PDB file of N, CA and C in Angstrom:
ATOM      1  N   MET A   1      -8.662 133.564  30.556  1.00  0.00           N
ATOM      2  CA  MET A   1      -9.534 132.418  30.433  1.00  0.00           C
ATOM      3  C   MET A   1      -9.878 132.210  28.959  1.00  0.00           C
ATOM      4  N   LYS A   2      -9.855 130.929  28.571  1.00  0.00           N
ATOM      5  CA  LYS A   2     -10.145 130.568  27.186  1.00  0.00           C
ATOM      6  C   LYS A   2     -11.143 129.423  27.173  1.00  0.00           C
ATOM      7  N   LYS A   3     -11.920 129.389  26.103  1.00  0.00           N
ATOM      8  CA  LYS A   3     -12.870 128.294  25.944  1.00  0.00           C
ATOM      9  C   LYS A   3     -12.204 127.188  25.147  1.00  0.00           C
ATOM     10  N   ARG A   4     -12.209 125.998  25.727  1.00  0.00           N
ATOM     11  CA  ARG A   4     -11.567 124.840  25.107  1.00  0.00           C
ATOM     12  C   ARG A   4     -12.522 124.169  24.113  1.00  0.00           C
ATOM     13  N   TRP A   5     -12.011 123.253  23.325  1.00  0.00           N
ATOM     14  CA  TRP A   5     -12.780 122.570  22.276  1.00  0.00           C
ATOM     15  C   TRP A   5     -13.948 121.770  22.842  1.00  0.00           C
ATOM     16  N   ASP A   6     -13.888 121.303  24.102  1.00  0.00           N
ATOM     17  CA  ASP A   6     -14.964 120.517  24.685  1.00  0.00           C
ATOM     18  C   ASP A   6     -15.952 121.371  25.462  1.00  0.00           C
ATOM     19  N   GLY A   7     -15.829 122.713  25.343  1.00  0.00           N
ATOM     20  CA  GLY A   7     -16.779 123.614  25.963  1.00  0.00           C
ATOM     21  C   GLY A   7     -16.386 124.116  27.334  1.00  0.00           C
ATOM     22  N   LEU A   8     -15.293 123.668  27.878  1.00  0.00           N
ATOM     23  CA  LEU A   8     -14.861 124.114  29.198  1.00  0.00           C
ATOM     24  C   LEU A   8     -14.083 125.420  29.087  1.00  0.00           C
ATOM     25  N   VAL A   9     -14.270 126.277  30.042  1.00  0.00           N
ATOM     26  CA  VAL A   9     -13.501 127.515  30.106  1.00  0.00           C
ATOM     27  C   VAL A   9     -12.379 127.279  31.108  1.00  0.00           C
ATOM     28  N   VAL A  10     -11.143 127.362  30.622  1.00  0.00           N
ATOM     29  CA  VAL A  10      -9.987 127.027  31.452  1.00  0.00           C
ATOM     30  C   VAL A  10      -8.966 128.167  31.413  1.00  0.00           C
ATOM     31  N   CYS A  11      -8.013 128.089  32.358  1.00  0.00           N
ATOM     32  CA  CYS A  11      -6.934 129.076  32.371  1.00  0.00           C
ATOM     33  C   CYS A  11      -5.901 128.734  31.289  1.00  0.00           C
ATOM     34  N   LYS A  12      -4.937 129.584  31.145  1.00  0.00           N
ATOM     35  CA  LYS A  12      -3.916 129.442  30.107  1.00  0.00           C
ATOM     36  C   LYS A  12      -3.094 128.152  30.283  1.00  0.00           C
ATOM     37  N   GLU A  13      -2.809 127.742  31.516  1.00  0.00           N
ATOM     38  CA  GLU A  13      -1.995 126.555  31.769  1.00  0.00           C
ATOM     39  C   GLU A  13      -2.731 125.249  31.421  1.00  0.00           C
ATOM     40  N   ASP A  14      -4.073 125.243  31.540  1.00  0.00           N
ATOM     41  CA  ASP A  14      -4.848 124.022  31.282  1.00  0.00           C
ATOM     42  C   ASP A  14      -5.425 123.957  29.872  1.00  0.00           C
ATOM     43  N   PHE A  15      -5.156 124.978  29.083  1.00  0.00           N
ATOM     44  CA  PHE A  15      -5.694 124.983  27.725  1.00  0.00           C
ATOM     45  C   PHE A  15      -4.968 123.955  26.865  1.00  0.00           C
ATOM     46  N   GLU A  16      -5.726 123.221  26.088  1.00  0.00           N
ATOM     47  CA  GLU A  16      -5.149 122.257  25.135  1.00  0.00           C
ATOM     48  C   GLU A  16      -5.984 122.272  23.872  1.00  0.00           C
ATOM     49  N   ILE A  17      -5.285 122.076  22.767  1.00  0.00           N
ATOM     50  CA  ILE A  17      -5.995 122.067  21.494  1.00  0.00           C
ATOM     51  C   ILE A  17      -6.638 120.703  21.274  1.00  0.00           C
ATOM     52  N   ARG A  18      -7.579 120.679  20.383  1.00  0.00           N
ATOM     53  CA  ARG A  18      -8.257 119.422  20.057  1.00  0.00           C
ATOM     54  C   ARG A  18      -7.277 118.520  19.321  1.00  0.00           C
ATOM     55  N   HIS A  19      -7.258 117.252  19.710  1.00  0.00           N
ATOM     56  CA  HIS A  19      -6.341 116.313  19.075  1.00  0.00           C
ATOM     57  C   HIS A  19      -6.789 116.044  17.647  1.00  0.00           C
ATOM     58  N   PRO A  20      -5.850 115.984  16.687  1.00  0.00           N
ATOM     59  CA  PRO A  20      -6.217 115.790  15.288  1.00  0.00           C
ATOM     60  C   PRO A  20      -6.914 114.440  15.014  1.00  0.00           C
ATOM     61  N   GLN A  21      -6.641 113.455  15.818  1.00  0.00           N
ATOM     62  CA  GLN A  21      -7.269 112.143  15.599  1.00  0.00           C
ATOM     63  C   GLN A  21      -8.777 112.184  15.844  1.00  0.00           C
ATOM     64  N   LEU A  22      -9.241 113.164  16.650  1.00  0.00           N
ATOM     65  CA  LEU A  22     -10.669 113.249  16.953  1.00  0.00           C
ATOM     66  C   LEU A  22     -11.477 113.802  15.787  1.00  0.00           C
ATOM     67  N   SER A  23     -10.829 114.436  14.830  1.00  0.00           N
ATOM     68  CA  SER A  23     -11.559 115.010  13.701  1.00  0.00           C
ATOM     69  C   SER A  23     -11.524 114.127  12.451  1.00  0.00           C
ATOM     70  N   LEU A  24     -10.943 112.950  12.552  1.00  0.00           N
ATOM     71  CA  LEU A  24     -10.929 112.041  11.410  1.00  0.00           C
ATOM     72  C   LEU A  24     -12.298 111.404  11.233  1.00  0.00           C
ATOM     73  N   LYS A  25     -12.714 111.254   9.986  1.00  0.00           N
ATOM     74  CA  LYS A  25     -13.962 110.574   9.693  1.00  0.00           C
ATOM     75  C   LYS A  25     -13.600 109.269   8.979  1.00  0.00           C
ATOM     76  N   VAL A  26     -13.749 108.197   9.709  1.00  0.00           N
ATOM     77  CA  VAL A  26     -13.362 106.891   9.178  1.00  0.00           C
ATOM     78  C   VAL A  26     -14.634 106.109   8.870  1.00  0.00           C
ATOM     79  N   HIS A  27     -14.669 105.578   7.696  1.00  0.00           N
ATOM     80  CA  HIS A  27     -15.786 104.720   7.307  1.00  0.00           C
ATOM     81  C   HIS A  27     -15.328 103.276   7.442  1.00  0.00           C
ATOM     82  N   GLY A  28     -16.067 102.497   8.209  1.00  0.00           N
ATOM     83  CA  GLY A  28     -15.685 101.104   8.410  1.00  0.00           C
ATOM     84  C   GLY A  28     -15.768 100.306   7.118  1.00  0.00           C
ATOM     85  N   ASP A  29     -14.861  99.402   6.957  1.00  0.00           N
ATOM     86  CA  ASP A  29     -14.883  98.550   5.780  1.00  0.00           C
ATOM     87  C   ASP A  29     -15.523  97.210   6.143  1.00  0.00           C
ATOM     88  N   LYS A  30     -16.019  96.535   5.131  1.00  0.00           N
ATOM     89  CA  LYS A  30     -16.635  95.232   5.359  1.00  0.00           C
ATOM     90  C   LYS A  30     -15.539  94.221   5.671  1.00  0.00           C
ATOM     91  N   GLN A  31     -15.619  93.663   6.839  1.00  0.00           N
ATOM     92  CA  GLN A  31     -14.616  92.691   7.226  1.00  0.00           C
ATOM     93  C   GLN A  31     -15.224  91.303   7.272  1.00  0.00           C
ATOM     94  N   THR A  32     -15.988  90.980   6.252  1.00  0.00           N
ATOM     95  CA  THR A  32     -16.575  89.655   6.183  1.00  0.00           C
ATOM     96  C   THR A  32     -15.605  88.706   5.490  1.00  0.00           C
ATOM     97  N   VAL A  33     -15.570  87.517   5.965  1.00  0.00           N
ATOM     98  CA  VAL A  33     -14.702  86.511   5.375  1.00  0.00           C
ATOM     99  C   VAL A  33     -15.429  85.918   4.177  1.00  0.00           C
ATOM    100  N   PRO A  34     -14.779  85.845   3.027  1.00  0.00           N
ATOM    101  CA  PRO A  34     -15.427  85.190   1.906  1.00  0.00           C
ATOM    102  C   PRO A  34     -15.632  83.716   2.228  1.00  0.00           C
ATOM    103  N   MET A  35     -16.505  83.087   1.497  1.00  0.00           N
ATOM    104  CA  MET A  35     -16.789  81.681   1.739  1.00  0.00           C
ATOM    105  C   MET A  35     -15.474  80.902   1.697  1.00  0.00           C
ATOM    106  N   PRO A  36     -15.028  80.366   2.849  1.00  0.00           N
ATOM    107  CA  PRO A  36     -13.717  79.735   2.906  1.00  0.00           C
ATOM    108  C   PRO A  36     -13.634  78.455   2.081  1.00  0.00           C
ATOM    109  N   ARG A  37     -14.742  77.761   1.995  1.00  0.00           N
ATOM    110  CA  ARG A  37     -14.765  76.557   1.160  1.00  0.00           C
ATOM    111  C   ARG A  37     -16.206  76.288   0.764  1.00  0.00           C
ATOM    112  N   PRO A  38     -16.416  75.634  -0.343  1.00  0.00           N
ATOM    113  CA  PRO A  38     -17.794  75.361  -0.763  1.00  0.00           C
ATOM    114  C   PRO A  38     -18.458  74.361   0.181  1.00  0.00           C
ATOM    115  N   GLU A  39     -19.771  74.434   0.229  1.00  0.00           N
ATOM    116  CA  GLU A  39     -20.513  73.519   1.088  1.00  0.00           C
ATOM    117  C   GLU A  39     -20.381  72.101   0.545  1.00  0.00           C
ATOM    118  N   GLY A  40     -20.064  71.182   1.430  1.00  0.00           N
ATOM    119  CA  GLY A  40     -19.861  69.794   1.015  1.00  0.00           C
ATOM    120  C   GLY A  40     -21.162  69.079   0.720  1.00  0.00           C
ATOM    121  N   THR A  41     -21.039  67.965   0.076  1.00  0.00           N
ATOM    122  CA  THR A  41     -22.216  67.157  -0.226  1.00  0.00           C
ATOM    123  C   THR A  41     -22.487  66.226   0.945  1.00  0.00           C
ATOM    124  N   ASP A  42     -23.745  65.885   1.115  1.00  0.00           N
ATOM    125  CA  ASP A  42     -24.133  64.992   2.199  1.00  0.00           C
ATOM    126  C   ASP A  42     -23.684  63.570   1.904  1.00  0.00           C
ATOM    127  N   VAL A  43     -23.206  62.908   2.923  1.00  0.00           N
ATOM    128  CA  VAL A  43     -22.782  61.513   2.795  1.00  0.00           C
ATOM    129  C   VAL A  43     -23.637  60.689   3.751  1.00  0.00           C
ATOM    130  N   PHE A  44     -24.337  59.729   3.207  1.00  0.00           N
ATOM    131  CA  PHE A  44     -25.186  58.886   4.015  1.00  0.00           C
ATOM    132  C   PHE A  44     -24.489  57.545   4.245  1.00  0.00           C
ATOM    133  N   LEU A  45     -24.409  57.165   5.498  1.00  0.00           N
ATOM    134  CA  LEU A  45     -23.757  55.919   5.855  1.00  0.00           C
ATOM    135  C   LEU A  45     -24.813  54.917   6.290  1.00  0.00           C
ATOM    136  N   SER A  46     -24.697  53.747   5.795  1.00  0.00           N
ATOM    137  CA  SER A  46     -25.617  52.707   6.231  1.00  0.00           C
ATOM    138  C   SER A  46     -24.910  51.840   7.269  1.00  0.00           C
ATOM    139  N   TYR A  47     -25.684  51.207   8.107  1.00  0.00           N
ATOM    140  CA  TYR A  47     -25.095  50.359   9.125  1.00  0.00           C
ATOM    141  C   TYR A  47     -25.893  49.063   9.187  1.00  0.00           C
ATOM    142  N   CYS A  48     -25.275  48.060   9.674  1.00  0.00           N
ATOM    143  CA  CYS A  48     -25.915  46.761   9.800  1.00  0.00           C
ATOM    144  C   CYS A  48     -26.085  46.438  11.274  1.00  0.00           C
ATOM    145  N   ASP A  49     -27.293  46.037  11.645  1.00  0.00           N
ATOM    146  CA  ASP A  49     -27.552  45.619  13.015  1.00  0.00           C
ATOM    147  C   ASP A  49     -28.147  44.212  12.992  1.00  0.00           C
ATOM    148  N   ILE A  50     -28.642  43.772  14.114  1.00  0.00           N
ATOM    149  CA  ILE A  50     -29.122  42.391  14.201  1.00  0.00           C
ATOM    150  C   ILE A  50     -30.343  42.154  13.310  1.00  0.00           C
ATOM    151  N   TRP A  51     -31.165  43.189  13.095  1.00  0.00           N
ATOM    152  CA  TRP A  51     -32.350  43.002  12.266  1.00  0.00           C
ATOM    153  C   TRP A  51     -32.005  43.045  10.785  1.00  0.00           C
ATOM    154  N   THR A  52     -31.148  43.972  10.375  1.00  0.00           N
ATOM    155  CA  THR A  52     -30.839  44.103   8.951  1.00  0.00           C
ATOM    156  C   THR A  52     -29.903  43.017   8.446  1.00  0.00           C
ATOM    157  N   SER A  53     -29.154  42.374   9.323  1.00  0.00           N
ATOM    158  CA  SER A  53     -28.253  41.324   8.864  1.00  0.00           C
ATOM    159  C   SER A  53     -28.857  39.935   9.051  1.00  0.00           C
ATOM    160  N   SER A  54     -30.081  39.887   9.545  1.00  0.00           N
ATOM    161  CA  SER A  54     -30.739  38.598   9.762  1.00  0.00           C
ATOM    162  C   SER A  54     -31.098  37.943   8.437  1.00  0.00           C
ATOM    163  N   ALA A  55     -31.074  36.642   8.411  1.00  0.00           N
ATOM    164  CA  ALA A  55     -31.372  35.901   7.184  1.00  0.00           C
ATOM    165  C   ALA A  55     -32.858  35.604   7.050  1.00  0.00           C
ATOM    166  N   TYR A  56     -33.691  36.012   7.976  1.00  0.00           N
ATOM    167  CA  TYR A  56     -35.131  35.778   7.872  1.00  0.00           C
ATOM    168  C   TYR A  56     -35.720  36.635   6.765  1.00  0.00           C
ATOM    169  N   ALA A  57     -36.747  36.124   6.128  1.00  0.00           N
ATOM    170  CA  ALA A  57     -37.378  36.829   5.017  1.00  0.00           C
ATOM    171  C   ALA A  57     -37.979  38.152   5.493  1.00  0.00           C
ATOM    172  N   ASP A  58     -37.854  39.164   4.674  1.00  0.00           N
ATOM    173  CA  ASP A  58     -38.380  40.507   4.914  1.00  0.00           C
ATOM    174  C   ASP A  58     -37.799  41.209   6.138  1.00  0.00           C
ATOM    175  N   SER A  59     -36.724  40.730   6.698  1.00  0.00           N
ATOM    176  CA  SER A  59     -36.124  41.451   7.822  1.00  0.00           C
ATOM    177  C   SER A  59     -34.733  41.964   7.481  1.00  0.00           C
ATOM    178  N   GLY A  60     -34.092  41.384   6.512  1.00  0.00           N
ATOM    179  CA  GLY A  60     -32.738  41.806   6.155  1.00  0.00           C
ATOM    180  C   GLY A  60     -32.731  42.954   5.173  1.00  0.00           C
ATOM    181  N   THR A  61     -31.575  43.554   5.010  1.00  0.00           N
ATOM    182  CA  THR A  61     -31.377  44.661   4.080  1.00  0.00           C
ATOM    183  C   THR A  61     -30.246  44.277   3.135  1.00  0.00           C
ATOM    184  N   ALA A  62     -30.373  44.774   1.909  1.00  0.00           N
ATOM    185  CA  ALA A  62     -29.346  44.473   0.918  1.00  0.00           C
ATOM    186  C   ALA A  62     -27.985  44.929   1.430  1.00  0.00           C
ATOM    187  N   ASP A  63     -26.961  44.185   1.148  1.00  0.00           N
ATOM    188  CA  ASP A  63     -25.579  44.416   1.570  1.00  0.00           C
ATOM    189  C   ASP A  63     -25.363  44.214   3.071  1.00  0.00           C
ATOM    190  N   CYS A  64     -26.399  43.816   3.808  1.00  0.00           N
ATOM    191  CA  CYS A  64     -26.239  43.535   5.225  1.00  0.00           C
ATOM    192  C   CYS A  64     -26.559  42.079   5.551  1.00  0.00           C
ATOM    193  N   MET A  65     -27.486  41.502   4.797  1.00  0.00           N
ATOM    194  CA  MET A  65     -27.910  40.133   5.097  1.00  0.00           C
ATOM    195  C   MET A  65     -26.756  39.156   4.954  1.00  0.00           C
ATOM    196  N   ARG A  66     -26.747  38.178   5.844  1.00  0.00           N
ATOM    197  CA  ARG A  66     -25.752  37.127   5.765  1.00  0.00           C
ATOM    198  C   ARG A  66     -26.494  35.792   5.695  1.00  0.00           C
ATOM    199  N   ALA A  67     -26.136  34.996   4.760  1.00  0.00           N
ATOM    200  CA  ALA A  67     -26.799  33.702   4.585  1.00  0.00           C
ATOM    201  C   ALA A  67     -26.575  32.837   5.818  1.00  0.00           C
ATOM    202  N   ASP A  68     -27.609  32.172   6.249  1.00  0.00           N
ATOM    203  CA  ASP A  68     -27.584  31.273   7.404  1.00  0.00           C
ATOM    204  C   ASP A  68     -27.225  31.990   8.698  1.00  0.00           C
ATOM    205  N   TYR A  69     -27.520  33.260   8.781  1.00  0.00           N
ATOM    206  CA  TYR A  69     -27.253  34.006  10.019  1.00  0.00           C
ATOM    207  C   TYR A  69     -28.573  34.172  10.762  1.00  0.00           C
ATOM    208  N   ALA A  70     -28.774  33.388  11.772  1.00  0.00           N
ATOM    209  CA  ALA A  70     -30.000  33.458  12.573  1.00  0.00           C
ATOM    210  C   ALA A  70     -29.639  33.212  14.042  1.00  0.00           C
ATOM    211  N   PRO A  71     -29.023  34.195  14.692  1.00  0.00           N
ATOM    212  CA  PRO A  71     -28.611  33.986  16.077  1.00  0.00           C
ATOM    213  C   PRO A  71     -29.808  33.920  17.034  1.00  0.00           C
ATOM    214  N   LEU A  72     -30.937  34.510  16.633  1.00  0.00           N
ATOM    215  CA  LEU A  72     -32.145  34.509  17.445  1.00  0.00           C
ATOM    216  C   LEU A  72     -33.290  33.882  16.661  1.00  0.00           C
ATOM    217  N   THR A  73     -34.261  33.371  17.390  1.00  0.00           N
ATOM    218  CA  THR A  73     -35.446  32.862  16.689  1.00  0.00           C
ATOM    219  C   THR A  73     -36.199  34.049  16.110  1.00  0.00           C
ATOM    220  N   TYR A  74     -37.045  33.754  15.148  1.00  0.00           N
ATOM    221  CA  TYR A  74     -37.793  34.811  14.479  1.00  0.00           C
ATOM    222  C   TYR A  74     -38.707  35.538  15.475  1.00  0.00           C
ATOM    223  N   GLN A  75     -39.344  34.779  16.344  1.00  0.00           N
ATOM    224  CA  GLN A  75     -40.238  35.387  17.329  1.00  0.00           C
ATOM    225  C   GLN A  75     -39.456  36.295  18.294  1.00  0.00           C
ATOM    226  N   ARG A  76     -38.305  35.843  18.737  1.00  0.00           N
ATOM    227  CA  ARG A  76     -37.486  36.650  19.650  1.00  0.00           C
ATOM    228  C   ARG A  76     -37.019  37.941  18.958  1.00  0.00           C
ATOM    229  N   LEU A  77     -36.692  37.848  17.679  1.00  0.00           N
ATOM    230  CA  LEU A  77     -36.288  39.000  16.897  1.00  0.00           C
ATOM    231  C   LEU A  77     -37.432  40.016  16.810  1.00  0.00           C
ATOM    232  N   LEU A  78     -38.662  39.533  16.581  1.00  0.00           N
ATOM    233  CA  LEU A  78     -39.814  40.415  16.525  1.00  0.00           C
ATOM    234  C   LEU A  78     -40.093  41.055  17.876  1.00  0.00           C
ATOM    235  N   ASP A  79     -39.945  40.278  18.953  1.00  0.00           N
ATOM    236  CA  ASP A  79     -40.160  40.821  20.291  1.00  0.00           C
ATOM    237  C   ASP A  79     -39.155  41.936  20.606  1.00  0.00           C
ATOM    238  N   LEU A  80     -37.907  41.746  20.233  1.00  0.00           N
ATOM    239  CA  LEU A  80     -36.903  42.784  20.462  1.00  0.00           C
ATOM    240  C   LEU A  80     -37.196  44.048  19.668  1.00  0.00           C
ATOM    241  N   LYS A  81     -37.647  43.856  18.432  1.00  0.00           N
ATOM    242  CA  LYS A  81     -37.916  45.001  17.582  1.00  0.00           C
ATOM    243  C   LYS A  81     -39.131  45.780  18.077  1.00  0.00           C
ATOM    244  N   SER A  82     -40.151  45.089  18.597  1.00  0.00           N
ATOM    245  CA  SER A  82     -41.354  45.782  19.036  1.00  0.00           C
ATOM    246  C   SER A  82     -41.127  46.496  20.375  1.00  0.00           C
ATOM    247  N   THR A  83     -40.223  46.037  21.210  1.00  0.00           N
ATOM    248  CA  THR A  83     -39.948  46.707  22.492  1.00  0.00           C
ATOM    249  C   THR A  83     -38.926  47.821  22.345  1.00  0.00           C
ATOM    250  N   ASN A  84     -38.173  47.814  21.275  1.00  0.00           N
ATOM    251  CA  ASN A  84     -37.154  48.830  21.054  1.00  0.00           C
ATOM    252  C   ASN A  84     -37.812  50.088  20.480  1.00  0.00           C
ATOM    253  N   VAL A  85     -37.534  51.233  21.071  1.00  0.00           N
ATOM    254  CA  VAL A  85     -38.107  52.488  20.588  1.00  0.00           C
ATOM    255  C   VAL A  85     -37.297  52.941  19.393  1.00  0.00           C
ATOM    256  N   GLY A  86     -37.968  53.295  18.311  1.00  0.00           N
ATOM    257  CA  GLY A  86     -37.288  53.810  17.131  1.00  0.00           C
ATOM    258  C   GLY A  86     -37.123  52.773  16.162  1.00  0.00           C
TER     259      GLY A  86
END
């Protein structure tokens, strides 16, 4: 009877030596990915809707207003804007 590496006492036929891979001391390496690309700059997009493209005073926005564009009356435009959330 012999004492094996894991503490078991076994007969001669079942005896086995400790595997060499079990005694390796491996230190893990940092497997972080470097910054793949720099952070992009923010791009702001403007859009034109019925209020910003309206030709009524104080309702249009630069680069959106269209001259003589009044598909709705001013009062109807205000009513739509006040009922619309946001």
